[in-house]
Amino acid sequence: MEWKFGLMISIDKNDEAPDAHLLCIGLLYYGQMMPMSVVHAIQDYLDDILRDTFSGNMSPHWNTEENGADMVLSVRVDPCNLHTIMSSVDMMIERLR
């Protein structure tokens, strides 16, 4: 069985901590519903890449909608490091390809 999924990446202001931004990575998938075991495997893979990329200086948290179709991993980041973070995101995307 084949599933298609994509990533949506954005950096947003963090209302809860004005001195930080949120790096949001959305895992979007479509077609037939993915089994949660596949979804969790993808989440774990992304978590590992993010931990490597940001040297453990992050607190990942997945928000899952009720239908399980869209998930967002939010990571609090220091706005002073946005250039470095964007470079790291580029490298992460290359690793995912």
N, C-alpha and C. Protein backbone atom coordinates (compact mmCIF):
# COMPACT_ATOMS: atom_id res chain seq x y z
N MET A 1 0.85 -1.18 0.00
CA MET A 1 0.00 0.00 0.00
C MET A 1 0.89 1.24 0.00
N GLU A 2 0.46 2.26 -0.70
CA GLU A 2 1.28 3.46 -0.82
C GLU A 2 0.54 4.67 -0.25
N TRP A 3 1.27 5.49 0.50
CA TRP A 3 0.71 6.73 1.03
C TRP A 3 1.57 7.87 0.55
N LYS A 4 0.95 9.00 0.37
CA LYS A 4 1.69 10.20 0.01
C LYS A 4 1.61 11.16 1.20
N PHE A 5 2.74 11.79 1.50
CA PHE A 5 2.69 12.78 2.57
C PHE A 5 3.69 13.88 2.26
N GLY A 6 3.48 15.01 2.85
CA GLY A 6 4.36 16.14 2.64
C GLY A 6 4.61 16.85 3.95
N LEU A 7 5.56 17.77 3.92
CA LEU A 7 5.87 18.56 5.11
C LEU A 7 5.56 20.03 4.84
N MET A 8 5.02 20.69 5.82
CA MET A 8 4.81 22.12 5.76
C MET A 8 5.63 22.71 6.90
N ILE A 9 6.53 23.62 6.58
CA ILE A 9 7.42 24.17 7.61
C ILE A 9 7.21 25.67 7.71
N SER A 10 7.03 26.15 8.92
CA SER A 10 6.89 27.59 9.13
C SER A 10 7.52 27.97 10.46
N ILE A 11 7.88 29.23 10.58
CA ILE A 11 8.36 29.76 11.86
C ILE A 11 7.38 30.85 12.28
N ASP A 12 6.76 30.65 13.43
CA ASP A 12 5.71 31.55 13.90
C ASP A 12 6.12 32.19 15.22
N LYS A 13 5.51 33.34 15.48
CA LYS A 13 5.69 33.98 16.79
C LYS A 13 5.08 33.08 17.85
N ASN A 14 5.71 33.05 19.00
CA ASN A 14 5.22 32.23 20.10
C ASN A 14 4.52 33.14 21.10
N ASP A 15 3.20 33.06 21.17
CA ASP A 15 2.44 33.93 22.07
C ASP A 15 2.76 33.65 23.54
N GLU A 16 3.06 32.39 23.85
CA GLU A 16 3.31 32.03 25.25
C GLU A 16 4.69 32.49 25.72
N ALA A 17 5.62 32.62 24.80
CA ALA A 17 6.98 33.06 25.15
C ALA A 17 7.44 34.05 24.09
N PRO A 18 7.20 35.34 24.31
CA PRO A 18 7.50 36.36 23.30
C PRO A 18 8.96 36.40 22.86
N ASP A 19 9.86 35.86 23.68
CA ASP A 19 11.28 35.89 23.33
C ASP A 19 11.67 34.68 22.48
N ALA A 20 10.70 33.90 22.07
CA ALA A 20 11.00 32.71 21.27
C ALA A 20 10.03 32.62 20.10
N HIS A 21 10.40 31.82 19.14
CA HIS A 21 9.53 31.53 18.00
C HIS A 21 9.20 30.04 18.04
N LEU A 22 8.21 29.65 17.28
CA LEU A 22 7.90 28.23 17.13
C LEU A 22 8.25 27.80 15.72
N LEU A 23 9.06 26.78 15.63
CA LEU A 23 9.31 26.15 14.34
C LEU A 23 8.24 25.08 14.21
N CYS A 24 7.37 25.23 13.24
CA CYS A 24 6.26 24.29 13.08
C CYS A 24 6.49 23.43 11.86
N ILE A 25 6.47 22.14 12.05
CA ILE A 25 6.62 21.21 10.95
C ILE A 25 5.33 20.41 10.87
N GLY A 26 4.60 20.63 9.82
CA GLY A 26 3.33 19.93 9.65
C GLY A 26 3.53 18.68 8.82
N LEU A 27 3.04 17.59 9.31
CA LEU A 27 3.06 16.33 8.56
C LEU A 27 1.66 16.17 7.96
N LEU A 28 1.58 16.32 6.65
CA LEU A 28 0.30 16.27 5.97
C LEU A 28 0.26 15.01 5.13
N TYR A 29 -0.78 14.24 5.28
CA TYR A 29 -0.88 13.07 4.41
C TYR A 29 -2.29 12.93 3.86
N TYR A 30 -2.37 12.28 2.74
CA TYR A 30 -3.65 12.20 2.05
C TYR A 30 -3.74 10.87 1.32
N GLY A 31 -4.90 10.60 0.77
CA GLY A 31 -5.14 9.27 0.23
C GLY A 31 -5.81 8.45 1.32
N GLN A 32 -5.54 7.18 1.34
CA GLN A 32 -6.13 6.33 2.37
C GLN A 32 -5.54 6.68 3.73
N MET A 33 -6.32 6.47 4.75
CA MET A 33 -5.87 6.77 6.11
C MET A 33 -4.65 5.91 6.46
N MET A 34 -3.61 6.56 6.95
CA MET A 34 -2.42 5.82 7.36
C MET A 34 -2.69 5.13 8.69
N PRO A 35 -2.21 3.90 8.86
CA PRO A 35 -2.28 3.28 10.19
C PRO A 35 -1.44 4.10 11.17
N MET A 36 -1.87 4.18 12.41
CA MET A 36 -1.14 4.98 13.39
C MET A 36 0.29 4.48 13.58
N SER A 37 0.54 3.20 13.33
CA SER A 37 1.91 2.70 13.46
C SER A 37 2.83 3.37 12.44
N VAL A 38 2.31 3.63 11.24
CA VAL A 38 3.10 4.32 10.21
C VAL A 38 3.29 5.78 10.60
N VAL A 39 2.23 6.41 11.07
CA VAL A 39 2.31 7.81 11.50
C VAL A 39 3.35 7.95 12.61
N HIS A 40 3.31 7.06 13.60
CA HIS A 40 4.26 7.14 14.72
C HIS A 40 5.69 6.90 14.25
N ALA A 41 5.87 6.02 13.27
CA ALA A 41 7.22 5.78 12.74
C ALA A 41 7.76 7.04 12.08
N ILE A 42 6.91 7.75 11.34
CA ILE A 42 7.33 9.00 10.69
C ILE A 42 7.64 10.05 11.76
N GLN A 43 6.78 10.14 12.78
CA GLN A 43 7.02 11.09 13.87
C GLN A 43 8.36 10.81 14.54
N ASP A 44 8.63 9.55 14.84
CA ASP A 44 9.88 9.18 15.50
C ASP A 44 11.08 9.56 14.64
N TYR A 45 10.96 9.33 13.34
CA TYR A 45 12.05 9.67 12.42
C TYR A 45 12.30 11.17 12.43
N LEU A 46 11.23 11.96 12.35
CA LEU A 46 11.38 13.41 12.38
C LEU A 46 11.94 13.88 13.73
N ASP A 47 11.47 13.28 14.81
CA ASP A 47 11.99 13.64 16.14
C ASP A 47 13.50 13.42 16.20
N ASP A 48 13.95 12.27 15.69
CA ASP A 48 15.39 11.96 15.72
C ASP A 48 16.18 12.98 14.91
N ILE A 49 15.69 13.31 13.73
CA ILE A 49 16.38 14.29 12.89
C ILE A 49 16.44 15.64 13.59
N LEU A 50 15.33 16.05 14.19
CA LEU A 50 15.30 17.34 14.87
C LEU A 50 16.24 17.36 16.07
N ARG A 51 16.29 16.28 16.82
CA ARG A 51 17.20 16.23 17.97
C ARG A 51 18.64 16.33 17.51
N ASP A 52 18.97 15.62 16.43
CA ASP A 52 20.33 15.70 15.88
C ASP A 52 20.62 17.12 15.40
N THR A 53 19.66 17.70 14.69
CA THR A 53 19.85 19.02 14.09
C THR A 53 20.02 20.10 15.14
N PHE A 54 19.22 20.04 16.18
CA PHE A 54 19.24 21.10 17.18
C PHE A 54 19.95 20.70 18.46
N SER A 55 20.73 19.64 18.40
CA SER A 55 21.56 19.20 19.53
C SER A 55 20.76 19.05 20.82
N GLY A 56 19.55 18.55 20.72
CA GLY A 56 18.77 18.29 21.92
C GLY A 56 18.18 19.52 22.57
N ASN A 57 18.42 20.72 22.01
CA ASN A 57 17.92 21.95 22.62
C ASN A 57 16.53 22.27 22.07
N MET A 58 15.57 21.42 22.38
CA MET A 58 14.23 21.61 21.86
C MET A 58 13.25 20.80 22.68
N SER A 59 11.98 21.14 22.54
CA SER A 59 10.95 20.34 23.20
C SER A 59 9.86 20.04 22.18
N PRO A 60 10.00 18.93 21.44
CA PRO A 60 9.02 18.64 20.40
C PRO A 60 7.68 18.23 20.98
N HIS A 61 6.65 18.62 20.30
CA HIS A 61 5.30 18.24 20.74
C HIS A 61 4.41 18.12 19.50
N TRP A 62 3.82 16.96 19.32
CA TRP A 62 2.92 16.75 18.18
C TRP A 62 1.50 17.10 18.59
N ASN A 63 0.84 17.90 17.77
CA ASN A 63 -0.58 18.18 17.94
C ASN A 63 -1.32 17.42 16.84
N THR A 64 -2.22 16.55 17.22
CA THR A 64 -2.94 15.74 16.24
C THR A 64 -4.41 16.12 16.23
N GLU A 65 -4.94 16.40 15.05
CA GLU A 65 -6.37 16.68 14.94
C GLU A 65 -7.15 15.39 15.17
N GLU A 66 -8.42 15.55 15.46
CA GLU A 66 -9.25 14.39 15.79
C GLU A 66 -9.26 13.33 14.70
N ASN A 67 -9.24 13.76 13.43
CA ASN A 67 -9.29 12.78 12.35
C ASN A 67 -7.92 12.18 12.06
N GLY A 68 -6.88 12.69 12.72
CA GLY A 68 -5.55 12.13 12.55
C GLY A 68 -4.90 12.45 11.23
N ALA A 69 -5.51 13.34 10.43
CA ALA A 69 -5.00 13.58 9.09
C ALA A 69 -3.84 14.58 9.05
N ASP A 70 -3.80 15.51 9.97
CA ASP A 70 -2.75 16.53 9.97
C ASP A 70 -2.13 16.60 11.35
N MET A 71 -0.82 16.64 11.39
CA MET A 71 -0.13 16.77 12.67
C MET A 71 0.92 17.87 12.56
N VAL A 72 1.14 18.56 13.63
CA VAL A 72 2.15 19.61 13.64
C VAL A 72 3.10 19.38 14.80
N LEU A 73 4.38 19.37 14.49
CA LEU A 73 5.42 19.28 15.51
C LEU A 73 5.91 20.70 15.76
N SER A 74 5.69 21.21 16.96
CA SER A 74 6.10 22.57 17.30
C SER A 74 7.36 22.52 18.15
N VAL A 75 8.33 23.33 17.80
CA VAL A 75 9.60 23.36 18.50
C VAL A 75 9.91 24.81 18.86
N ARG A 76 10.13 25.08 20.13
CA ARG A 76 10.47 26.44 20.55
C ARG A 76 11.92 26.73 20.18
N VAL A 77 12.14 27.85 19.52
CA VAL A 77 13.49 28.20 19.08
C VAL A 77 13.80 29.65 19.45
N ASP A 78 15.07 29.93 19.59
CA ASP A 78 15.55 31.28 19.90
C ASP A 78 15.57 32.09 18.60
N PRO A 79 14.90 33.26 18.55
CA PRO A 79 14.86 34.03 17.31
C PRO A 79 16.24 34.50 16.86
N CYS A 80 17.19 34.58 17.79
CA CYS A 80 18.55 35.00 17.41
C CYS A 80 19.21 33.97 16.50
N ASN A 81 18.71 32.75 16.53
CA ASN A 81 19.33 31.67 15.76
C ASN A 81 18.55 31.30 14.51
N LEU A 82 17.68 32.19 14.03
CA LEU A 82 16.81 31.83 12.91
C LEU A 82 17.59 31.44 11.66
N HIS A 83 18.68 32.15 11.37
CA HIS A 83 19.46 31.82 10.17
C HIS A 83 20.04 30.41 10.28
N THR A 84 20.61 30.10 11.43
CA THR A 84 21.16 28.76 11.66
C THR A 84 20.06 27.72 11.58
N ILE A 85 18.91 28.05 12.16
CA ILE A 85 17.80 27.11 12.16
C ILE A 85 17.32 26.83 10.74
N MET A 86 17.20 27.88 9.92
CA MET A 86 16.75 27.66 8.55
C MET A 86 17.75 26.81 7.78
N SER A 87 19.04 27.00 8.03
CA SER A 87 20.05 26.14 7.39
C SER A 87 19.87 24.70 7.84
N SER A 88 19.60 24.52 9.13
CA SER A 88 19.39 23.18 9.67
C SER A 88 18.14 22.54 9.07
N VAL A 89 17.09 23.34 8.88
CA VAL A 89 15.87 22.82 8.27
C VAL A 89 16.15 22.37 6.84
N ASP A 90 16.94 23.17 6.10
CA ASP A 90 17.31 22.77 4.73
C ASP A 90 18.02 21.43 4.74
N MET A 91 18.96 21.25 5.68
CA MET A 91 19.68 19.97 5.77
C MET A 91 18.73 18.84 6.14
N MET A 92 17.78 19.14 7.02
CA MET A 92 16.83 18.11 7.42
C MET A 92 15.98 17.67 6.23
N ILE A 93 15.56 18.62 5.42
CA ILE A 93 14.75 18.28 4.24
C ILE A 93 15.55 17.40 3.29
N GLU A 94 16.84 17.73 3.12
CA GLU A 94 17.69 16.90 2.26
C GLU A 94 17.77 15.47 2.79
N ARG A 95 17.88 15.32 4.11
CA ARG A 95 17.95 13.97 4.70
C ARG A 95 16.66 13.20 4.50
N LEU A 96 15.53 13.91 4.47
CA LEU A 96 14.25 13.25 4.30
C LEU A 96 14.01 12.79 2.86
N ARG A 97 14.70 13.39 1.91
CA ARG A 97 14.47 13.05 0.49
C ARG A 97 14.91 11.68 0.16
